[in-house]
Amino acid sequence: MASYQITLADRSTEHIDDADAYQQEGQMTTFFLTGSGRSVVDTWSTRVASFRTSEIVAIRRREDAAGVVAAQPLAVRGLRSA
């Protein structure tokens, strides 16, 4: 299971555990638990946390317990990877 570290505009950080994916929903960026083996956000996904997109400076995906996912820094302004 992946987790994310979010850096906000005030330089504070938030840790989101048990989230597989995120996407922009209007003015918010929402993190989801997609379920066993699913790789898409759909109606079966569970919302884990939401943040105002304009306040997010960076999103960093962190390793899961097995160390499968490497940390991948992403720049966030319109949610495009850098």
Protein backbone atom coordinates (compact mmCIF):
# COMPACT_ATOMS: atom_id res chain seq x y z
CA MET A 1 0.00 0.00 0.00
CA ALA A 2 1.40 3.38 -0.97
CA SER A 3 1.30 6.56 1.04
CA TYR A 4 1.84 10.19 0.12
CA GLN A 5 3.58 13.18 1.69
CA ILE A 6 2.07 16.54 0.78
CA THR A 7 3.92 19.84 1.19
CA LEU A 8 1.54 22.77 1.56
CA ALA A 9 2.10 26.45 0.72
CA ASP A 10 2.88 27.27 4.38
CA ARG A 11 5.66 24.59 4.19
CA SER A 12 3.82 22.25 6.56
CA THR A 13 3.61 18.60 5.56
CA GLU A 14 0.80 16.07 5.73
CA HIS A 15 1.13 12.30 5.45
CA ILE A 16 -1.65 10.34 3.74
CA ASP A 17 -1.51 6.61 4.47
CA ASP A 18 -3.45 3.88 2.67
CA ALA A 19 -3.98 5.85 -0.54
CA ASP A 20 -3.34 4.33 -3.96
CA ALA A 21 -4.06 7.33 -6.19
CA TYR A 22 -5.08 10.97 -6.29
CA GLN A 23 -6.88 13.25 -8.71
CA GLN A 24 -8.18 16.79 -8.94
CA GLU A 25 -11.88 17.24 -8.18
CA GLY A 26 -12.84 20.83 -8.84
CA GLN A 27 -10.78 23.01 -6.48
CA MET A 28 -9.70 20.04 -4.37
CA THR A 29 -7.10 17.30 -4.82
CA THR A 30 -8.46 14.07 -3.37
CA PHE A 31 -6.56 10.92 -2.37
CA PHE A 32 -8.22 7.53 -2.88
CA LEU A 33 -7.98 3.92 -1.80
CA THR A 34 -8.79 2.11 -5.05
CA GLY A 35 -9.15 -1.43 -3.71
CA SER A 36 -7.40 -4.71 -4.28
CA GLY A 37 -5.44 -4.67 -7.50
CA ARG A 38 -7.43 -1.84 -9.10
CA SER A 39 -5.40 0.86 -10.80
CA VAL A 40 -8.16 3.37 -11.58
CA VAL A 41 -10.24 5.76 -9.51
CA ASP A 42 -13.89 4.84 -9.99
CA THR A 43 -17.17 4.68 -8.04
CA TRP A 44 -15.81 1.80 -5.92
CA SER A 45 -12.84 3.88 -4.70
CA THR A 46 -12.85 5.29 -1.17
CA ARG A 47 -11.92 8.92 -0.52
CA VAL A 48 -9.15 9.12 2.09
CA ALA A 49 -8.32 12.86 2.23
CA SER A 50 -8.76 16.11 0.30
CA PHE A 51 -6.73 19.32 0.14
CA ARG A 52 -7.29 22.60 -1.68
CA THR A 53 -5.21 22.26 -4.87
CA SER A 54 -4.00 25.88 -4.76
CA GLU A 55 -2.38 25.18 -1.35
CA ILE A 56 -0.38 22.13 -2.52
CA VAL A 57 3.25 22.77 -3.43
CA ALA A 58 4.38 19.15 -3.88
CA ILE A 59 3.13 15.58 -3.63
CA ARG A 60 5.59 12.80 -2.94
CA ARG A 61 4.61 9.14 -3.20
CA ARG A 62 6.30 7.07 -0.49
CA GLU A 63 7.30 3.40 -0.30
CA ASP A 64 4.88 0.80 0.92
CA ALA A 65 5.74 -1.74 3.63
CA ALA A 66 7.40 -4.07 1.08
CA GLY A 67 9.47 -1.21 -0.40
CA VAL A 68 7.90 -1.70 -3.83
CA VAL A 69 7.15 1.95 -4.70
CA ALA A 70 10.11 4.35 -4.81
CA ALA A 71 9.65 7.95 -3.74
CA GLN A 72 8.58 9.97 -6.78
CA PRO A 73 8.44 13.75 -6.33
CA LEU A 74 5.74 15.45 -8.40
CA ALA A 75 5.34 19.17 -8.97
CA VAL A 76 1.77 20.33 -8.51
CA ARG A 77 0.34 23.29 -10.31
CA GLY A 78 -2.42 21.98 -12.48
CA LEU A 79 -1.31 18.47 -11.38
CA ARG A 80 1.33 17.91 -14.06
CA SER A 81 4.43 15.91 -13.22
CA ALA A 82 7.71 17.74 -13.53
